[in-house]
Each structure stands twice: as structure tokens, then as C-alpha cells.
C-alpha atoms as a PDB file:
ATOM      1  CA  UNK A   1      75.041  87.019 125.893  1.00  0.00           C
ATOM      2  CA  UNK A   2      72.661  84.061 125.760  1.00  0.00           C
ATOM      3  CA  UNK A   3      69.806  86.349 126.867  1.00  0.00           C
ATOM      4  CA  UNK A   4      70.508  88.699 123.976  1.00  0.00           C
ATOM      5  CA  UNK A   5      70.583  85.815 121.505  1.00  0.00           C
ATOM      6  CA  UNK A   6      67.312  84.431 122.857  1.00  0.00           C
ATOM      7  CA  UNK A   7      65.717  87.867 122.605  1.00  0.00           C
ATOM      8  CA  UNK A   8      66.936  88.212 119.009  1.00  0.00           C
ATOM      9  CA  UNK A   9      65.428  84.813 118.129  1.00  0.00           C
ATOM     10  CA  UNK A  10      62.127  85.794 119.767  1.00  0.00           C
ATOM     11  CA  UNK A  11      62.011  89.095 117.873  1.00  0.00           C
ATOM     12  CA  UNK A  12      62.611  87.327 114.570  1.00  0.00           C
ATOM     13  CA  UNK A  13      59.923  84.753 115.419  1.00  0.00           C
ATOM     14  CA  UNK A  14      57.550  87.675 116.026  1.00  0.00           C
ATOM     15  CA  UNK A  15      58.287  88.940 112.513  1.00  0.00           C
ATOM     16  CA  UNK A  16      60.657  91.762 113.431  1.00  0.00           C
ATOM     17  CA  UNK A  17      63.426  92.628 110.985  1.00  0.00           C
ATOM     18  CA  UNK A  18      66.826  92.936 112.644  1.00  0.00           C
ATOM     19  CA  UNK A  19      70.192  94.256 111.569  1.00  0.00           C
ATOM     20  CA  UNK A  20      73.516  94.792 113.301  1.00  0.00           C
ATOM     21  CA  UNK A  21      75.141  98.232 113.425  1.00  0.00           C
ATOM     22  CA  UNK A  22      78.641  98.353 114.863  1.00  0.00           C
ATOM     23  CA  UNK A  23      81.471 100.841 115.193  1.00  0.00           C
ATOM     24  CA  UNK A  24      83.988  98.017 114.804  1.00  0.00           C
ATOM     25  CA  UNK A  25      86.224  99.046 111.924  1.00  0.00           C
ATOM     26  CA  UNK A  26      89.299  96.929 112.585  1.00  0.00           C
ATOM     27  CA  UNK A  27      88.124  93.793 110.801  1.00  0.00           C
ATOM     28  CA  UNK A  28      86.763  93.019 107.363  1.00  0.00           C
ATOM     29  CA  UNK A  29      83.005  92.490 107.456  1.00  0.00           C
ATOM     30  CA  UNK A  30      83.337  88.734 106.896  1.00  0.00           C
ATOM     31  CA  UNK A  31      85.579  88.301 109.964  1.00  0.00           C
ATOM     32  CA  UNK A  32      83.333  90.513 112.070  1.00  0.00           C
ATOM     33  CA  UNK A  33      80.308  88.418 111.095  1.00  0.00           C
ATOM     34  CA  UNK A  34      82.171  85.201 111.977  1.00  0.00           C
ATOM     35  CA  UNK A  35      82.963  86.604 115.426  1.00  0.00           C
ATOM     36  CA  UNK A  36      79.339  87.518 116.056  1.00  0.00           C
ATOM     37  CA  UNK A  37      78.230  84.076 114.832  1.00  0.00           C
ATOM     38  CA  UNK A  38      80.500  82.428 117.427  1.00  0.00           C
ATOM     39  CA  UNK A  39      78.531  84.370 120.068  1.00  0.00           C
ATOM     40  CA  UNK A  40      75.249  83.081 118.632  1.00  0.00           C
ATOM     41  CA  UNK A  41      74.255  86.123 116.579  1.00  0.00           C
ATOM     42  CA  UNK A  42      73.288  85.111 113.075  1.00  0.00           C
ATOM     43  CA  UNK A  43      73.206  88.041 110.646  1.00  0.00           C
ATOM     44  CA  UNK A  44      73.613  87.840 106.889  1.00  0.00           C
ATOM     45  CA  UNK A  45      76.403  90.090 105.588  1.00  0.00           C
ATOM     46  CA  UNK A  46      73.894  92.497 104.035  1.00  0.00           C
ATOM     47  CA  UNK A  47      72.305  92.927 107.489  1.00  0.00           C
ATOM     48  CA  UNK A  48      75.551  94.199 109.059  1.00  0.00           C
ATOM     49  CA  UNK A  49      76.625  97.847 108.838  1.00  0.00           C
ATOM     50  CA  UNK A  50      79.932  99.036 110.287  1.00  0.00           C
ATOM     51  CA  UNK A  51      81.853 102.259 110.663  1.00  0.00           C
ATOM     52  CA  UNK A  52      84.535 100.697 108.426  1.00  0.00           C
ATOM     53  CA  UNK A  53      81.923 100.325 105.710  1.00  0.00           C
ATOM     54  CA  UNK A  54      80.853 103.963 106.124  1.00  0.00           C
ATOM     55  CA  UNK A  55      84.461 105.140 105.835  1.00  0.00           C
ATOM     56  CA  UNK A  56      85.043 103.027 102.724  1.00  0.00           C
ATOM     57  CA  UNK A  57      81.846 104.325 101.124  1.00  0.00           C
ATOM     58  CA  UNK A  58      83.030 107.874 101.779  1.00  0.00           C
ATOM     59  CA  UNK A  59      86.374 107.088 100.115  1.00  0.00           C
ATOM     60  CA  UNK A  60      84.916 105.309  97.075  1.00  0.00           C
ATOM     61  CA  UNK A  61      86.906 106.351  94.001  1.00  0.00           C
ATOM     62  CA  UNK A  62      89.522 108.148  96.100  1.00  0.00           C
ATOM     63  CA  UNK A  63      93.038 108.388  94.632  1.00  0.00           C
ATOM     64  CA  UNK A  64      94.998 109.391  97.741  1.00  0.00           C
ATOM     65  CA  UNK A  65      97.839 107.280  99.087  1.00  0.00           C
ATOM     66  CA  UNK A  66      96.665 106.682 102.653  1.00  0.00           C
ATOM     67  CA  UNK A  67      98.659 105.791 105.753  1.00  0.00           C
ATOM     68  CA  UNK A  68      96.543 103.289 107.676  1.00  0.00           C
ATOM     69  CA  UNK A  69      96.359 102.738 111.409  1.00  0.00           C
ATOM     70  CA  UNK A  70      95.312  99.138 110.860  1.00  0.00           C
ATOM     71  CA  UNK A  71      96.895  95.800 111.616  1.00  0.00           C
ATOM     72  CA  UNK A  72      98.308  94.236 108.444  1.00  0.00           C
ATOM     73  CA  UNK A  73      97.157  90.895 109.925  1.00  0.00           C
ATOM     74  CA  UNK A  74      93.610  91.830 108.921  1.00  0.00           C
ATOM     75  CA  UNK A  75      94.683  92.677 105.395  1.00  0.00           C
ATOM     76  CA  UNK A  76      92.823  94.689 102.839  1.00  0.00           C
ATOM     77  CA  UNK A  77      90.089  92.173 102.080  1.00  0.00           C
ATOM     78  CA  UNK A  78      87.322  94.745 101.703  1.00  0.00           C
ATOM     79  CA  UNK A  79      89.319  97.951 101.285  1.00  0.00           C
ATOM     80  CA  UNK A  80      88.476  98.152  97.589  1.00  0.00           C
ATOM     81  CA  UNK A  81      90.745 100.150  95.314  1.00  0.00           C
ATOM     82  CA  UNK A  82      92.318 102.315  98.015  1.00  0.00           C
ATOM     83  CA  UNK A  83      96.074 102.699  98.042  1.00  0.00           C
ATOM     84  CA  UNK A  84      97.245 101.976 101.606  1.00  0.00           C
ATOM     85  CA  UNK A  85     100.507 101.928 103.477  1.00  0.00           C
ATOM     86  CA  UNK A  86     100.324 100.287 106.885  1.00  0.00           C
ATOM     87  CA  UNK A  87     101.835 102.594 109.490  1.00  0.00           C
ATOM     88  CA  UNK A  88     104.506 101.050 111.659  1.00  0.00           C
ATOM     89  CA  UNK A  89     107.807 102.200 113.131  1.00  0.00           C
ATOM     90  CA  UNK A  90     109.356 103.728 109.997  1.00  0.00           C
ATOM     91  CA  UNK A  91     109.034 107.548 109.903  1.00  0.00           C
ATOM     92  CA  UNK A  92     109.346 107.569 106.110  1.00  0.00           C
ATOM     93  CA  UNK A  93     105.963 105.826 105.880  1.00  0.00           C
ATOM     94  CA  UNK A  94     104.321 108.771 107.631  1.00  0.00           C
ATOM     95  CA  UNK A  95     105.981 111.281 105.325  1.00  0.00           C
ATOM     96  CA  UNK A  96     105.121 109.379 102.134  1.00  0.00           C
ATOM     97  CA  UNK A  97     101.320 109.458 102.360  1.00  0.00           C
ATOM     98  CA  UNK A  98      98.674 112.017 101.408  1.00  0.00           C
ATOM     99  CA  UNK A  99      96.565 111.467 104.535  1.00  0.00           C
ATOM    100  CA  UNK A 100      95.830 109.116 107.391  1.00  0.00           C
ATOM    101  CA  UNK A 101      93.051 106.612 108.116  1.00  0.00           C
ATOM    102  CA  UNK A 102      92.446 105.616 111.731  1.00  0.00           C
ATOM    103  CA  UNK A 103      90.765 102.236 111.358  1.00  0.00           C
ATOM    104  CA  UNK A 104      92.067  99.918 114.098  1.00  0.00           C
ATOM    105  CA  UNK A 105      94.372 100.321 117.068  1.00  0.00           C
ATOM    106  CA  UNK A 106      95.930  96.839 117.195  1.00  0.00           C
ATOM    107  CA  UNK A 107      99.683  97.334 117.350  1.00  0.00           C
ATOM    108  CA  UNK A 108      99.392 101.095 117.807  1.00  0.00           C
ATOM    109  CA  UNK A 109     101.637 102.428 120.552  1.00  0.00           C
ATOM    110  CA  UNK A 110     102.999 105.694 121.927  1.00  0.00           C
ATOM    111  CA  UNK A 111     105.963 105.666 119.519  1.00  0.00           C
ATOM    112  CA  UNK A 112     103.699 105.345 116.491  1.00  0.00           C
ATOM    113  CA  UNK A 113     101.424 108.038 117.888  1.00  0.00           C
ATOM    114  CA  UNK A 114     104.445 110.346 118.235  1.00  0.00           C
ATOM    115  CA  UNK A 115     105.443 109.599 114.617  1.00  0.00           C
ATOM    116  CA  UNK A 116     101.926 110.475 113.462  1.00  0.00           C
ATOM    117  CA  UNK A 117     101.877 113.719 115.447  1.00  0.00           C
ATOM    118  CA  UNK A 118     105.330 114.741 114.165  1.00  0.00           C
ATOM    119  CA  UNK A 119     104.300 113.992 110.570  1.00  0.00           C
ATOM    120  CA  UNK A 120     101.186 116.139 110.936  1.00  0.00           C
ATOM    121  CA  UNK A 121     103.123 118.998 112.506  1.00  0.00           C
ATOM    122  CA  UNK A 122     105.587 118.871 109.626  1.00  0.00           C
ATOM    123  CA  UNK A 123     102.946 118.564 106.881  1.00  0.00           C
ATOM    124  CA  UNK A 124      99.280 118.983 107.825  1.00  0.00           C
ATOM    125  CA  UNK A 125      97.114 116.387 106.061  1.00  0.00           C
ATOM    126  CA  UNK A 126      93.673 114.843 106.408  1.00  0.00           C
ATOM    127  CA  UNK A 127      93.020 112.369 109.206  1.00  0.00           C
ATOM    128  CA  UNK A 128      89.847 110.311 108.746  1.00  0.00           C
ATOM    129  CA  UNK A 129      88.526 108.238 111.624  1.00  0.00           C
ATOM    130  CA  UNK A 130      86.795 104.966 110.788  1.00  0.00           C
ATOM    131  CA  UNK A 131      86.503 103.820 114.389  1.00  0.00           C
ATOM    132  CA  UNK A 132      85.137 106.456 116.786  1.00  0.00           C
ATOM    133  CA  UNK A 133      86.549 104.618 119.828  1.00  0.00           C
ATOM    134  CA  UNK A 134      90.039 105.575 118.672  1.00  0.00           C
ATOM    135  CA  UNK A 135      89.411 109.208 119.576  1.00  0.00           C
ATOM    136  CA  UNK A 136      87.036 108.751 122.513  1.00  0.00           C
ATOM    137  CA  UNK A 137      88.197 109.849 125.981  1.00  0.00           C
ATOM    138  CA  UNK A 138      89.702 107.067 128.054  1.00  0.00           C
ATOM    139  CA  UNK A 139      90.493 106.662 131.740  1.00  0.00           C
ATOM    140  CA  UNK A 140      93.882 108.352 131.326  1.00  0.00           C
ATOM    141  CA  UNK A 141      92.831 111.117 128.961  1.00  0.00           C
END
């Protein structure tokens, strides 16, 4: 990483404007920026764009009650006025929402995936993906 940081510093010294674009949707922007700063990357909040931010911009003014694949540990710091229910192990949570937001996979497991699939088979609703890695092919499928 130190090579990347040094290169970033050199580009800035040469007058280049830099920004950070990330598909990390699991964390509020402030926490994401703090993590990058610990690695030596110094970007002002307005110079960071994330897939979470794109999803939230798309949902601005939305009135749905969303089921969120998102760790409650990260809270709703920058979620805005969205109505969320964190999805866990209770099937009634999956039945009670108007649609689903796939934002972060922390805590997600095969049981929760089965609950989501069963809920969608019973009542087809929107599924919006705020983190493209959550649907990308993996080693096992």
C-alpha cells in the first residue's frame, strides 16, 4: 500500500485532482474514510463516492419500508429518511417489508438467504443491490 500512497502524494504534488470511488456499501461514508486514512489515503468526504451513496441517491424521498441486508452495528448514520428493518433470523421481518436492500453481507448466512428467497417466492418484491460484490460470482458459485 505504501507505494500507492506515495504515488497519490506525487500526483497531488503534480497538481492532479484525485477522488476515491469505491463499491464498498457496508459502512457509512465517515467510517469508510477513517479506514482509508489508517492506510495512508487522505481524501476529504466530498472526494469519496461509494455505491452506498449511489443507492441512497436513487432512493431519495422513497417511502417504502425496506428490509436491509446490513449489519445493525454500522447503524443508519447516513441512510437519510429511509424506513429500514434489519434482516436477521425472524421470518416475519422478511414478510413485513415492501422490498429489500442488499447493502452489506456481514452476518448474512445461508439461513438468512433461505428466508429471503422464501419471502420473494411468496411475495415478489424489489431487490436493490447497493454492493455489487454481493451478487458477483464466487469460487463456489
